[in-house]
């Protein structure tokens, strides 16, 4: 498998704690799609999921070679088993592999474009 792009990003989950009760916050609406908001806020504490989705979008953007992140253009969805996938304009990017992980304090994602 030839790799044509790699992206990685890490962030403190604490940065997303302030959005716990406010899915209508302008930042949330600017960065996350409706589907991502629904997914993240389906958890008791959405902060780790918001952070994970955020870094996944950043990583995918880097792997694609973008000079800036177009947050609402890229979408992180989950397959039937819960594994993350990268979508762009309602189409799965089949050449993109993505992995997201988090601890109590940080979220990290890596994206590989094959």
N, C-alpha and C. Protein backbone atom coordinates (compact mmCIF):
# COMPACT_ATOMS: atom_id res chain seq x y z
N UNK A 1 0.84 -1.18 0.00
CA UNK A 1 0.00 0.00 0.00
C UNK A 1 0.89 1.24 0.00
N UNK A 2 0.76 2.05 -1.02
CA UNK A 2 1.49 3.31 -1.08
C UNK A 2 0.75 4.36 -0.27
N UNK A 3 1.48 5.12 0.51
CA UNK A 3 0.89 6.18 1.33
C UNK A 3 1.16 7.51 0.66
N UNK A 4 0.09 8.29 0.46
CA UNK A 4 0.27 9.59 -0.19
C UNK A 4 0.09 10.76 0.77
N UNK A 5 -0.34 10.47 2.01
CA UNK A 5 -0.48 11.53 2.99
C UNK A 5 -0.70 10.99 4.38
N UNK A 6 -0.16 11.70 5.37
CA UNK A 6 -0.32 11.34 6.77
C UNK A 6 -0.64 12.61 7.55
N UNK A 7 -1.55 12.49 8.49
CA UNK A 7 -1.85 13.61 9.36
C UNK A 7 -2.08 13.13 10.78
N UNK A 8 -1.65 13.91 11.74
CA UNK A 8 -1.86 13.57 13.15
C UNK A 8 -2.18 14.86 13.89
N UNK A 9 -3.01 14.75 14.92
CA UNK A 9 -3.32 15.91 15.74
C UNK A 9 -3.66 15.44 17.15
N UNK A 10 -3.41 16.31 18.12
CA UNK A 10 -3.67 16.02 19.52
C UNK A 10 -4.20 17.29 20.17
N UNK A 11 -5.10 17.14 21.13
CA UNK A 11 -5.69 18.31 21.79
C UNK A 11 -6.10 17.95 23.21
N UNK A 12 -6.11 18.95 24.09
CA UNK A 12 -6.60 18.77 25.45
C UNK A 12 -8.13 18.72 25.44
N UNK A 13 -8.69 17.71 26.04
CA UNK A 13 -10.14 17.56 26.11
C UNK A 13 -10.77 18.71 26.90
N UNK A 14 -10.03 19.26 27.86
CA UNK A 14 -10.55 20.35 28.69
C UNK A 14 -11.05 21.53 27.85
N UNK A 15 -10.47 21.71 26.68
CA UNK A 15 -10.90 22.81 25.81
C UNK A 15 -12.35 22.66 25.35
N UNK A 16 -12.90 21.46 25.44
CA UNK A 16 -14.26 21.20 24.98
C UNK A 16 -15.25 21.05 26.13
N UNK A 17 -14.78 21.09 27.37
CA UNK A 17 -15.66 20.94 28.53
C UNK A 17 -16.71 22.05 28.59
N UNK A 18 -16.36 23.26 28.17
CA UNK A 18 -17.29 24.39 28.26
C UNK A 18 -18.50 24.24 27.34
N UNK A 19 -18.43 23.33 26.38
CA UNK A 19 -19.53 23.12 25.45
C UNK A 19 -20.48 22.01 25.89
N UNK A 20 -20.22 21.43 27.05
CA UNK A 20 -20.96 20.27 27.53
C UNK A 20 -22.48 20.41 27.42
N UNK A 21 -22.97 21.57 27.73
CA UNK A 21 -24.43 21.77 27.75
C UNK A 21 -24.92 22.67 26.62
N UNK A 22 -24.03 23.05 25.69
CA UNK A 22 -24.41 24.04 24.69
C UNK A 22 -24.05 23.61 23.28
N UNK A 23 -24.87 22.76 22.71
CA UNK A 23 -24.60 22.31 21.34
C UNK A 23 -24.95 23.38 20.31
N UNK A 24 -25.53 24.49 20.74
CA UNK A 24 -25.85 25.60 19.84
C UNK A 24 -24.77 26.68 19.84
N UNK A 25 -23.70 26.48 20.59
CA UNK A 25 -22.62 27.46 20.65
C UNK A 25 -22.08 27.73 19.23
N UNK A 26 -21.78 28.98 18.90
CA UNK A 26 -21.28 29.30 17.55
C UNK A 26 -20.06 28.48 17.13
N UNK A 27 -19.16 28.19 18.06
CA UNK A 27 -17.99 27.37 17.72
C UNK A 27 -18.42 25.97 17.29
N UNK A 28 -19.35 25.37 18.03
CA UNK A 28 -19.83 24.03 17.71
C UNK A 28 -20.46 24.01 16.32
N UNK A 29 -21.29 25.00 16.03
CA UNK A 29 -21.96 25.08 14.73
C UNK A 29 -20.98 25.33 13.59
N UNK A 30 -19.88 26.02 13.88
CA UNK A 30 -18.88 26.34 12.85
C UNK A 30 -17.99 25.15 12.51
N UNK A 31 -17.76 24.28 13.49
CA UNK A 31 -16.76 23.21 13.34
C UNK A 31 -17.37 21.83 13.07
N UNK A 32 -18.54 21.56 13.63
CA UNK A 32 -19.12 20.22 13.56
C UNK A 32 -20.39 20.20 12.72
N UNK A 33 -20.58 19.12 11.98
CA UNK A 33 -21.81 18.94 11.21
C UNK A 33 -22.93 18.50 12.16
N UNK A 34 -24.15 18.57 11.68
CA UNK A 34 -25.31 18.15 12.48
C UNK A 34 -25.16 16.70 12.93
N UNK A 35 -24.70 15.85 12.05
CA UNK A 35 -24.51 14.43 12.38
C UNK A 35 -23.45 14.25 13.48
N UNK A 36 -22.35 15.00 13.38
CA UNK A 36 -21.29 14.91 14.39
C UNK A 36 -21.78 15.43 15.74
N UNK A 37 -22.53 16.52 15.73
CA UNK A 37 -23.08 17.07 16.98
C UNK A 37 -24.00 16.05 17.63
N UNK A 38 -24.86 15.44 16.84
CA UNK A 38 -25.78 14.42 17.37
C UNK A 38 -25.00 13.27 17.99
N UNK A 39 -23.96 12.81 17.30
CA UNK A 39 -23.15 11.70 17.82
C UNK A 39 -22.48 12.09 19.14
N UNK A 40 -21.79 13.21 19.15
CA UNK A 40 -21.01 13.61 20.34
C UNK A 40 -21.91 13.88 21.54
N UNK A 41 -23.05 14.52 21.31
CA UNK A 41 -23.94 14.86 22.41
C UNK A 41 -24.86 13.70 22.81
N UNK A 42 -24.70 12.56 22.18
CA UNK A 42 -25.45 11.38 22.61
C UNK A 42 -24.79 10.73 23.83
N UNK A 43 -23.59 11.20 24.19
CA UNK A 43 -22.87 10.69 25.35
C UNK A 43 -23.10 11.61 26.55
N UNK A 44 -23.02 11.05 27.74
CA UNK A 44 -23.19 11.82 28.97
C UNK A 44 -22.21 13.00 29.01
N UNK A 45 -20.97 12.74 28.63
CA UNK A 45 -19.96 13.80 28.55
C UNK A 45 -19.50 13.89 27.10
N UNK A 46 -19.98 14.88 26.36
CA UNK A 46 -19.61 14.98 24.95
C UNK A 46 -18.18 15.47 24.70
N UNK A 47 -17.53 16.03 25.73
CA UNK A 47 -16.22 16.66 25.53
C UNK A 47 -15.17 15.74 24.88
N UNK A 48 -14.97 14.50 25.36
CA UNK A 48 -13.97 13.65 24.71
C UNK A 48 -14.32 13.33 23.25
N UNK A 49 -15.60 13.25 22.97
CA UNK A 49 -16.05 12.91 21.61
C UNK A 49 -15.93 14.12 20.68
N UNK A 50 -16.22 15.30 21.22
CA UNK A 50 -16.00 16.53 20.45
C UNK A 50 -14.52 16.69 20.14
N UNK A 51 -13.69 16.49 21.16
CA UNK A 51 -12.23 16.62 20.96
C UNK A 51 -11.73 15.59 19.96
N UNK A 52 -12.19 14.35 20.07
CA UNK A 52 -11.77 13.29 19.15
C UNK A 52 -12.20 13.57 17.72
N UNK A 53 -13.41 14.05 17.56
CA UNK A 53 -13.89 14.38 16.22
C UNK A 53 -13.11 15.56 15.65
N UNK A 54 -12.82 16.53 16.49
CA UNK A 54 -12.05 17.70 16.07
C UNK A 54 -10.66 17.29 15.56
N UNK A 55 -9.94 16.49 16.34
CA UNK A 55 -8.60 16.09 15.92
C UNK A 55 -8.64 15.16 14.71
N UNK A 56 -9.71 14.38 14.58
CA UNK A 56 -9.86 13.52 13.40
C UNK A 56 -9.99 14.37 12.14
N UNK A 57 -10.77 15.43 12.23
CA UNK A 57 -10.94 16.33 11.08
C UNK A 57 -9.62 17.03 10.74
N UNK A 58 -8.92 17.47 11.76
CA UNK A 58 -7.62 18.10 11.56
C UNK A 58 -6.64 17.12 10.91
N UNK A 59 -6.59 15.90 11.41
CA UNK A 59 -5.68 14.89 10.87
C UNK A 59 -6.01 14.55 9.42
N UNK A 60 -7.29 14.37 9.14
CA UNK A 60 -7.71 14.06 7.77
C UNK A 60 -7.36 15.20 6.83
N UNK A 61 -7.56 16.40 7.28
CA UNK A 61 -7.22 17.57 6.48
C UNK A 61 -5.72 17.60 6.15
N UNK A 62 -4.90 17.31 7.14
CA UNK A 62 -3.45 17.27 6.94
C UNK A 62 -3.06 16.16 5.97
N UNK A 63 -3.68 14.99 6.12
CA UNK A 63 -3.36 13.86 5.23
C UNK A 63 -3.75 14.16 3.79
N UNK A 64 -4.80 14.95 3.63
CA UNK A 64 -5.24 15.34 2.28
C UNK A 64 -4.38 16.45 1.69
N UNK A 65 -3.51 17.03 2.52
CA UNK A 65 -2.62 18.08 2.03
C UNK A 65 -3.24 19.46 2.03
N UNK A 66 -4.35 19.63 2.73
CA UNK A 66 -5.03 20.93 2.77
C UNK A 66 -4.19 21.92 3.58
N UNK A 67 -4.16 23.15 3.13
CA UNK A 67 -3.42 24.18 3.86
C UNK A 67 -4.25 24.77 4.99
N UNK A 68 -5.55 24.57 4.95
CA UNK A 68 -6.43 24.95 6.05
C UNK A 68 -7.53 23.91 6.15
N UNK A 69 -8.11 23.80 7.34
CA UNK A 69 -9.15 22.81 7.57
C UNK A 69 -10.50 23.39 7.19
N UNK A 70 -11.22 22.68 6.37
CA UNK A 70 -12.58 23.06 6.03
C UNK A 70 -13.50 22.17 6.85
N UNK A 71 -13.78 22.63 8.07
CA UNK A 71 -14.44 21.78 9.05
C UNK A 71 -15.78 21.21 8.60
N UNK A 72 -16.58 22.00 7.94
CA UNK A 72 -17.90 21.51 7.56
C UNK A 72 -17.88 20.75 6.24
N UNK A 73 -16.75 20.76 5.54
CA UNK A 73 -16.61 19.97 4.32
C UNK A 73 -16.29 18.52 4.66
N UNK A 74 -15.42 18.33 5.65
CA UNK A 74 -15.08 16.98 6.10
C UNK A 74 -16.02 16.59 7.24
N UNK A 75 -16.41 15.33 7.24
CA UNK A 75 -17.28 14.83 8.30
C UNK A 75 -16.75 13.49 8.78
N UNK A 76 -16.74 13.31 10.10
CA UNK A 76 -16.34 12.04 10.69
C UNK A 76 -17.61 11.28 11.04
N UNK A 77 -17.78 10.13 10.41
CA UNK A 77 -18.93 9.27 10.67
C UNK A 77 -18.43 7.97 11.27
N UNK A 78 -19.34 7.19 11.82
CA UNK A 78 -18.98 5.87 12.37
C UNK A 78 -19.67 4.80 11.55
N UNK A 79 -18.93 3.71 11.28
CA UNK A 79 -19.56 2.59 10.56
C UNK A 79 -20.40 1.78 11.55
N UNK A 80 -20.95 0.67 11.10
CA UNK A 80 -21.85 -0.12 11.94
C UNK A 80 -21.18 -0.67 13.20
N UNK A 81 -19.87 -0.84 13.14
CA UNK A 81 -19.13 -1.32 14.30
C UNK A 81 -18.61 -0.17 15.17
N UNK A 82 -18.84 1.07 14.75
CA UNK A 82 -18.40 2.23 15.52
C UNK A 82 -17.06 2.80 15.11
N UNK A 83 -16.44 2.21 14.10
CA UNK A 83 -15.14 2.70 13.64
C UNK A 83 -15.32 4.01 12.86
N UNK A 84 -14.42 4.96 13.07
CA UNK A 84 -14.56 6.24 12.37
C UNK A 84 -14.22 6.13 10.89
N UNK A 85 -14.91 6.96 10.11
CA UNK A 85 -14.68 7.06 8.67
C UNK A 85 -14.67 8.55 8.32
N UNK A 86 -13.94 8.90 7.27
CA UNK A 86 -13.91 10.28 6.80
C UNK A 86 -14.79 10.40 5.56
N UNK A 87 -15.69 11.37 5.61
CA UNK A 87 -16.59 11.65 4.50
C UNK A 87 -16.38 13.07 4.04
N UNK A 88 -16.56 13.29 2.76
CA UNK A 88 -16.50 14.64 2.19
C UNK A 88 -17.67 14.81 1.24
N UNK A 89 -18.49 15.80 1.50
CA UNK A 89 -19.67 16.09 0.68
C UNK A 89 -20.54 14.85 0.49
N UNK A 90 -20.85 14.18 1.60
CA UNK A 90 -21.71 12.98 1.63
C UNK A 90 -21.16 11.78 0.87
N UNK A 91 -19.84 11.77 0.68
CA UNK A 91 -19.20 10.62 0.02
C UNK A 91 -18.02 10.17 0.87
N UNK A 92 -17.99 8.87 1.17
CA UNK A 92 -16.89 8.32 1.96
C UNK A 92 -15.58 8.42 1.18
N UNK A 93 -14.54 8.87 1.85
CA UNK A 93 -13.21 8.89 1.24
C UNK A 93 -12.60 7.51 1.50
N UNK A 94 -12.73 6.63 0.54
CA UNK A 94 -12.31 5.23 0.71
C UNK A 94 -10.81 5.08 0.84
N UNK A 95 -10.05 6.06 0.37
CA UNK A 95 -8.60 5.98 0.44
C UNK A 95 -8.05 6.50 1.77
N UNK A 96 -8.94 6.85 2.70
CA UNK A 96 -8.51 7.43 3.97
C UNK A 96 -8.75 6.46 5.12
N UNK A 97 -7.71 6.22 5.90
CA UNK A 97 -7.81 5.44 7.13
C UNK A 97 -7.69 6.42 8.28
N UNK A 98 -8.50 6.25 9.32
CA UNK A 98 -8.47 7.17 10.46
C UNK A 98 -8.61 6.39 11.76
N UNK A 99 -7.89 6.82 12.77
CA UNK A 99 -7.99 6.22 14.09
C UNK A 99 -8.03 7.35 15.12
N UNK A 100 -8.92 7.20 16.09
CA UNK A 100 -9.10 8.21 17.15
C UNK A 100 -8.94 7.51 18.49
N UNK A 101 -8.26 8.16 19.42
CA UNK A 101 -8.14 7.63 20.78
C UNK A 101 -8.13 8.80 21.75
N UNK A 102 -8.47 8.51 22.99
CA UNK A 102 -8.36 9.55 24.01
C UNK A 102 -8.12 8.95 25.38
N UNK A 103 -7.49 9.76 26.22
CA UNK A 103 -7.33 9.44 27.63
C UNK A 103 -8.33 10.33 28.38
N UNK A 104 -8.17 10.45 29.68
CA UNK A 104 -9.02 11.39 30.42
C UNK A 104 -8.72 12.84 30.07
N UNK A 105 -7.52 13.09 29.53
CA UNK A 105 -7.08 14.46 29.32
C UNK A 105 -6.87 14.87 27.87
N UNK A 106 -6.52 13.94 27.02
CA UNK A 106 -6.18 14.31 25.64
C UNK A 106 -6.87 13.41 24.63
N UNK A 107 -7.07 13.97 23.46
CA UNK A 107 -7.61 13.21 22.32
C UNK A 107 -6.59 13.28 21.20
N UNK A 108 -6.41 12.18 20.49
CA UNK A 108 -5.43 12.09 19.42
C UNK A 108 -6.05 11.35 18.25
N UNK A 109 -5.71 11.78 17.05
CA UNK A 109 -6.15 11.07 15.86
C UNK A 109 -5.02 11.03 14.85
N UNK A 110 -5.01 9.98 14.07
CA UNK A 110 -4.06 9.85 12.96
C UNK A 110 -4.86 9.46 11.72
N UNK A 111 -4.49 10.06 10.61
CA UNK A 111 -5.14 9.76 9.33
C UNK A 111 -4.07 9.39 8.32
N UNK A 112 -4.36 8.39 7.51
CA UNK A 112 -3.43 7.96 6.47
C UNK A 112 -4.22 7.91 5.16
N UNK A 113 -3.70 8.59 4.16
CA UNK A 113 -4.30 8.55 2.83
C UNK A 113 -3.47 7.60 1.99
N UNK A 114 -4.12 6.54 1.50
CA UNK A 114 -3.40 5.55 0.70
C UNK A 114 -3.61 5.80 -0.77
